[in-house]
């Protein structure tokens, strides 16, 4: 239930961001074409990219909740990371590259906008700042409420998009003001280039994180240490030979441990101990829902390795 509530909150933040970006994208595009402003057109591309990305994030929330099946026995939790990676690509291409191109093209322009063009652009940017600020506030509140802002790829992407959008609006407004006061398009061109570079940097950061999660990233070091401490504390456990973890999704973590039990236990006792340890881990950390224990005889393995090394020598 807590997971469903968190997802509902994240979905709400994404929907607010989507509604804001759709309205803003239309307004920025109209004002940018009317004013001939490269900074406004760059911001319009930014909003279009963000709108498409919100659709990706909504898809990720829906698809990641599907139950495991024979083809995907560990579930679909990594859907979130895949669609977040696509969102990062969208930010890079639709937002960053287009904005950078607009800025470079504007460097060779000497056109001066009309006063009505400046005014329309600044009004649209002010409205955009209010809308993006409200969306950012919603995402920040949800992040603090759920405590999953850093680990939830959808929420992290919305936070990055909205934060970047607020900075982008301020840069575009500064470019418009410089163009208005000097009559030179260099100010707007610089603003567009700065917006493009900012978007590409944010996209690269989001993409790198999503890439790491897609190929398999370990659970938090604190969680791993706590699981290891629990294993070591079991009276039947002699040593923990190896402990591997991997995040399968927001609410699913694989735990694989190779442990050496004290000698003298029969197979029935070993099975009872293994079951109790797995249940203890899952009860204490519900997200650790895939627990595999490999019971080994570490002493005999070490002796066998030593004998093999001696024979080879």
Protein backbone atom coordinates (compact mmCIF):
# COMPACT_ATOMS: atom_id res chain seq x y z
CA UNK A 1 0.00 0.00 0.00
CA UNK A 2 2.83 2.39 0.83
CA UNK A 3 4.42 1.62 -2.54
CA UNK A 4 1.14 2.30 -4.34
CA UNK A 5 0.75 5.58 -2.45
CA UNK A 6 4.27 6.63 -3.36
CA UNK A 7 3.68 5.77 -7.02
CA UNK A 8 0.40 7.70 -6.96
CA UNK A 9 2.26 10.72 -5.62
CA UNK A 10 4.97 10.39 -8.27
CA UNK A 11 2.31 10.02 -10.98
CA UNK A 12 0.65 13.20 -9.71
CA UNK A 13 3.94 15.10 -9.91
CA UNK A 14 4.51 13.84 -13.46
CA UNK A 15 0.97 14.79 -14.55
CA UNK A 16 1.35 18.30 -13.13
CA UNK A 17 4.65 18.68 -14.99
CA UNK A 18 3.09 17.34 -18.21
CA UNK A 19 0.15 19.75 -18.07
CA UNK A 20 2.44 22.70 -17.35
CA UNK A 21 4.86 21.81 -20.15
CA UNK A 22 2.14 21.29 -22.78
CA UNK A 23 0.60 24.71 -22.12
CA UNK A 24 3.98 26.39 -21.90
CA UNK A 25 5.29 24.73 -25.07
CA UNK A 26 2.39 26.10 -27.11
CA UNK A 27 2.77 29.59 -25.62
CA UNK A 28 6.55 29.67 -26.11
CA UNK A 29 6.32 28.44 -29.68
CA UNK A 30 3.71 31.03 -30.61
CA UNK A 31 5.61 33.84 -28.91
CA UNK A 32 8.94 32.68 -30.32
CA UNK A 33 7.63 32.64 -33.91
CA UNK A 34 5.89 35.99 -33.44
CA UNK A 35 8.95 37.63 -31.92
CA UNK A 36 11.56 35.73 -33.95
CA UNK A 37 13.33 34.98 -30.70
CA UNK A 38 15.91 32.14 -30.69
CA UNK A 39 15.88 32.06 -26.88
CA UNK A 40 12.11 31.60 -26.82
CA UNK A 41 12.26 28.91 -29.52
CA UNK A 42 14.97 27.15 -27.52
CA UNK A 43 12.75 27.22 -24.47
CA UNK A 44 9.84 25.95 -26.58
CA UNK A 45 11.99 22.98 -27.69
CA UNK A 46 12.88 22.42 -24.05
CA UNK A 47 9.20 22.29 -23.07
CA UNK A 48 8.33 19.96 -25.99
CA UNK A 49 11.13 17.61 -24.92
CA UNK A 50 9.94 17.70 -21.32
CA UNK A 51 6.35 16.94 -22.40
CA UNK A 52 7.46 13.89 -24.36
CA UNK A 53 9.58 12.77 -21.44
CA UNK A 54 6.65 12.99 -19.04
CA UNK A 55 4.75 10.61 -21.33
CA UNK A 56 7.72 8.21 -21.12
CA UNK A 57 7.72 8.49 -17.33
CA UNK A 58 3.99 7.75 -17.09
CA UNK A 59 4.57 4.66 -19.23
CA UNK A 60 7.38 3.59 -16.93
CA UNK A 61 5.18 3.86 -13.84
CA UNK A 62 2.50 1.71 -15.45
CA UNK A 63 4.72 -0.94 -17.01
CA UNK A 64 7.00 -1.36 -13.99
CA UNK A 65 4.10 -2.56 -11.82
CA UNK A 66 3.41 -5.63 -13.97
CA UNK A 67 3.67 -8.95 -12.16
CA UNK A 68 6.57 -11.33 -12.89
CA UNK A 69 5.98 -13.94 -15.58
CA UNK A 70 7.85 -16.81 -17.18
CA UNK A 71 9.79 -14.49 -19.50
CA UNK A 72 10.62 -11.98 -16.76
CA UNK A 73 10.74 -13.95 -13.50
CA UNK A 74 12.26 -11.03 -11.61
CA UNK A 75 9.49 -8.65 -12.68
CA UNK A 76 9.48 -5.46 -14.71
CA UNK A 77 10.98 -3.04 -12.19
CA UNK A 78 13.77 -1.99 -14.56
CA UNK A 79 11.17 -0.55 -16.94
CA UNK A 80 11.53 2.65 -14.92
CA UNK A 81 15.22 2.86 -15.72
CA UNK A 82 14.72 2.13 -19.42
CA UNK A 83 12.12 4.86 -19.94
CA UNK A 84 14.17 7.27 -17.86
CA UNK A 85 17.08 6.61 -20.22
CA UNK A 86 14.82 7.43 -23.19
CA UNK A 87 13.75 10.62 -21.40
CA UNK A 88 17.41 11.60 -21.02
CA UNK A 89 17.97 11.02 -24.74
CA UNK A 90 14.92 13.20 -25.47
CA UNK A 91 16.26 16.01 -23.31
CA UNK A 92 19.63 15.79 -25.05
CA UNK A 93 18.37 15.71 -28.63
CA UNK A 94 15.07 17.64 -28.63
CA UNK A 95 16.13 20.15 -26.00
CA UNK A 96 19.89 20.48 -25.81
CA UNK A 97 20.96 20.03 -29.43
CA UNK A 98 18.12 22.16 -30.83
CA UNK A 99 18.78 24.97 -28.35
CA UNK A 100 22.48 24.93 -29.10
CA UNK A 101 21.76 25.04 -32.83
CA UNK A 102 19.35 27.96 -32.39
CA UNK A 103 21.99 29.88 -30.47
CA UNK A 104 24.74 29.31 -33.02
CA UNK A 105 22.41 30.30 -35.87
CA UNK A 106 21.36 33.45 -34.03
CA UNK A 107 24.98 34.60 -33.73
CA UNK A 108 24.92 35.54 -37.41
CA UNK A 109 21.60 37.38 -37.14
CA UNK A 110 21.36 41.15 -36.84
CA UNK A 111 17.57 41.44 -36.73
CA UNK A 112 16.00 43.56 -34.04
CA UNK A 113 12.70 42.47 -32.61
CA UNK A 114 9.75 44.81 -32.28
CA UNK A 115 8.72 46.13 -28.88
CA UNK A 116 5.60 43.97 -29.05
CA UNK A 117 7.82 40.95 -29.66
CA UNK A 118 9.91 41.69 -26.57
CA UNK A 119 6.79 42.25 -24.48
CA UNK A 120 5.10 39.04 -25.65
CA UNK A 121 8.24 37.06 -24.99
CA UNK A 122 8.73 38.41 -21.48
CA UNK A 123 5.06 37.83 -20.59
CA UNK A 124 5.25 34.22 -21.77
CA UNK A 125 8.47 33.67 -19.86
CA UNK A 126 6.97 35.11 -16.68
CA UNK A 127 3.95 32.81 -16.95
CA UNK A 128 6.32 29.91 -17.69
CA UNK A 129 8.35 30.72 -14.60
CA UNK A 130 5.23 30.56 -12.43
CA UNK A 131 4.08 27.27 -13.99
CA UNK A 132 7.50 25.62 -13.87
CA UNK A 133 8.02 26.84 -10.32
CA UNK A 134 4.68 25.34 -9.23
CA UNK A 135 5.55 22.04 -10.91
CA UNK A 136 8.99 22.02 -9.27
CA UNK A 137 7.42 22.70 -5.88
CA UNK A 138 5.02 19.78 -6.37
CA UNK A 139 7.92 17.48 -7.24
CA UNK A 140 10.00 18.65 -4.26
CA UNK A 141 7.08 18.10 -1.87
CA UNK A 142 6.51 14.60 -3.25
CA UNK A 143 10.23 13.84 -3.02
CA UNK A 144 10.34 14.80 0.65
CA UNK A 145 7.07 13.03 1.42
CA UNK A 146 8.10 9.74 -0.13
CA UNK A 147 11.77 9.96 0.76
CA UNK A 148 12.56 8.43 -2.64
CA UNK A 149 13.65 11.45 -4.64
CA UNK A 150 17.16 10.12 -5.30
CA UNK A 151 16.13 6.52 -6.01
CA UNK A 152 12.90 7.06 -7.97
CA UNK A 153 14.00 7.62 -11.60
CA UNK A 154 10.66 9.19 -12.63
CA UNK A 155 10.65 11.66 -9.76
CA UNK A 156 14.35 12.39 -10.19
CA UNK A 157 13.78 13.17 -13.88
CA UNK A 158 10.87 15.52 -13.09
CA UNK A 159 12.97 17.32 -10.49
CA UNK A 160 15.84 17.70 -12.97
CA UNK A 161 13.53 18.86 -15.76
CA UNK A 162 11.67 21.41 -13.66
CA UNK A 163 14.82 22.74 -12.03
CA UNK A 164 16.49 23.08 -15.42
CA UNK A 165 13.34 24.70 -16.83
CA UNK A 166 13.36 27.40 -14.15
CA UNK A 167 17.02 28.17 -14.88
CA UNK A 168 16.32 28.10 -18.63
CA UNK A 169 13.46 30.58 -18.32
CA UNK A 170 15.70 32.97 -16.39
CA UNK A 171 18.45 32.62 -19.01
CA UNK A 172 15.98 33.24 -21.85
CA UNK A 173 14.58 36.30 -20.09
CA UNK A 174 18.08 37.67 -19.58
CA UNK A 175 18.81 37.13 -23.28
CA UNK A 176 15.63 38.96 -24.28
CA UNK A 177 16.43 41.90 -22.02
CA UNK A 178 19.97 42.17 -23.42
CA UNK A 179 18.62 42.02 -26.98
CA UNK A 180 15.98 44.62 -26.16
CA UNK A 181 18.42 47.08 -24.61
CA UNK A 182 21.32 46.66 -27.05
CA UNK A 183 19.53 45.71 -30.26
CA UNK A 184 22.08 42.94 -30.71
CA UNK A 185 21.05 39.29 -30.96
CA UNK A 186 24.25 38.08 -29.31
CA UNK A 187 22.57 38.16 -25.89
CA UNK A 188 19.79 35.84 -26.99
CA UNK A 189 22.22 33.65 -28.89
CA UNK A 190 24.35 33.25 -25.78
CA UNK A 191 21.23 32.44 -23.75
CA UNK A 192 20.20 29.75 -26.25
CA UNK A 193 23.67 28.21 -26.25
CA UNK A 194 23.74 28.26 -22.44
CA UNK A 195 20.32 26.58 -22.31
CA UNK A 196 21.51 23.93 -24.77
CA UNK A 197 24.69 23.20 -22.79
CA UNK A 198 22.69 23.03 -19.55
CA UNK A 199 20.19 20.58 -21.05
CA UNK A 200 22.91 18.38 -22.49
CA UNK A 201 24.70 18.26 -19.13
CA UNK A 202 21.47 17.35 -17.27
CA UNK A 203 20.60 14.75 -19.93
CA UNK A 204 24.06 13.19 -19.66
CA UNK A 205 23.79 12.99 -15.86
CA UNK A 206 20.33 11.40 -15.97
CA UNK A 207 21.37 9.01 -18.74
CA UNK A 208 24.49 7.88 -16.90
CA UNK A 209 22.45 7.09 -13.78
CA UNK A 210 19.80 5.21 -15.76
CA UNK A 211 22.51 3.29 -17.62
CA UNK A 212 24.09 2.14 -14.37
CA UNK A 213 20.74 0.97 -13.03
CA UNK A 214 19.87 -0.85 -16.25
CA UNK A 215 23.04 -2.93 -16.37
CA UNK A 216 22.68 -3.84 -12.70
CA UNK A 217 23.64 -1.76 -9.68
CA UNK A 218 24.16 -3.03 -6.16
CA UNK A 219 21.90 -2.08 -3.27
CA UNK A 220 22.96 0.79 -1.05
CA UNK A 221 26.14 0.06 0.89
CA UNK A 222 24.33 0.64 4.20
CA UNK A 223 21.68 -1.96 3.32
CA UNK A 224 24.31 -4.45 2.24
CA UNK A 225 26.24 -3.96 5.50
CA UNK A 226 23.07 -4.42 7.56
CA UNK A 227 22.18 -7.65 5.73
CA UNK A 228 25.70 -8.95 6.26
CA UNK A 229 25.50 -8.10 9.97
CA UNK A 230 22.22 -10.01 10.22
CA UNK A 231 23.79 -13.04 8.56
CA UNK A 232 26.87 -12.97 10.79
CA UNK A 233 24.67 -12.63 13.89
CA UNK A 234 22.89 -15.94 13.20
CA UNK A 235 24.13 -18.55 15.70
CA UNK A 236 24.34 -21.25 13.01
CA UNK A 237 26.43 -19.17 10.60
CA UNK A 238 30.19 -19.65 10.81
CA UNK A 239 31.26 -17.21 8.05
CA UNK A 240 29.75 -15.17 5.23
CA UNK A 241 31.90 -16.06 2.25
CA UNK A 242 30.21 -13.77 -0.27
CA UNK A 243 27.27 -11.37 -0.41
CA UNK A 244 25.93 -10.00 -3.70
CA UNK A 245 23.04 -7.59 -4.17
CA UNK A 246 21.37 -6.03 -7.19
CA UNK A 247 18.45 -3.63 -7.48
CA UNK A 248 15.76 -5.08 -9.72
CA UNK A 249 13.47 -2.07 -9.39
CA UNK A 250 12.17 0.51 -6.95
CA UNK A 251 10.71 -2.14 -4.62
CA UNK A 252 12.71 -5.23 -5.53
CA UNK A 253 16.25 -6.20 -4.58
CA UNK A 254 18.05 -9.45 -5.23
CA UNK A 255 20.21 -10.78 -2.37
CA UNK A 256 22.52 -13.74 -3.00
CA UNK A 257 24.72 -14.94 -0.15
CA UNK A 258 27.19 -17.79 0.11
CA UNK A 259 27.42 -18.77 3.76
CA UNK A 260 29.25 -21.43 5.72
CA UNK A 261 27.24 -23.02 8.53
CA UNK A 262 28.66 -24.59 11.66
CA UNK A 263 29.51 -28.28 11.17
CA UNK A 264 27.36 -31.09 12.49
CA UNK A 265 23.92 -30.07 11.18
CA UNK A 266 21.85 -32.52 9.20
CA UNK A 267 20.06 -31.57 5.97
CA UNK A 268 16.73 -30.96 7.67
CA UNK A 269 18.31 -28.55 10.16
CA UNK A 270 20.14 -26.75 7.33
CA UNK A 271 16.86 -26.28 5.48
CA UNK A 272 15.18 -24.88 8.61
CA UNK A 273 18.02 -22.41 9.18
CA UNK A 274 18.01 -21.29 5.54
CA UNK A 275 14.26 -20.69 5.61
CA UNK A 276 14.49 -18.70 8.84
CA UNK A 277 17.30 -16.52 7.53
CA UNK A 278 15.44 -15.75 4.29
CA UNK A 279 12.29 -14.86 6.21
CA UNK A 280 14.26 -12.64 8.60
CA UNK A 281 15.77 -10.67 5.73
CA UNK A 282 12.45 -10.26 3.90
CA UNK A 283 10.60 -9.23 7.06
CA UNK A 284 13.17 -6.61 8.01
CA UNK A 285 13.69 -5.32 4.45
CA UNK A 286 10.51 -5.96 2.39
CA UNK A 287 12.23 -4.64 -0.74
CA UNK A 288 14.70 -7.55 -0.49
CA UNK A 289 12.14 -9.87 -1.99
CA UNK A 290 14.54 -12.16 -3.87
CA UNK A 291 16.82 -13.91 -1.38
CA UNK A 292 19.03 -16.84 -2.39
CA UNK A 293 21.32 -18.65 0.04
CA UNK A 294 24.14 -20.93 -1.07
CA UNK A 295 25.20 -23.17 1.80
CA UNK A 296 28.84 -24.09 1.40
CA UNK A 297 31.57 -25.86 3.33
CA UNK A 298 34.23 -23.17 3.25
CA UNK A 299 36.85 -25.27 5.08
CA UNK A 300 36.69 -28.08 2.55
CA UNK A 301 36.71 -25.59 -0.36
CA UNK A 302 39.85 -23.94 0.99
CA UNK A 303 41.51 -27.33 1.49
CA UNK A 304 40.58 -28.37 -2.05
CA UNK A 305 41.98 -25.14 -3.49
CA UNK A 306 45.15 -25.61 -1.48
CA UNK A 307 45.56 -29.18 -2.68
CA UNK A 308 44.99 -28.10 -6.28
CA UNK A 309 47.56 -25.33 -5.95
CA UNK A 310 50.07 -27.76 -4.42
CA UNK A 311 49.54 -30.26 -7.24
CA UNK A 312 50.02 -27.57 -9.85
CA UNK A 313 53.27 -26.52 -8.20
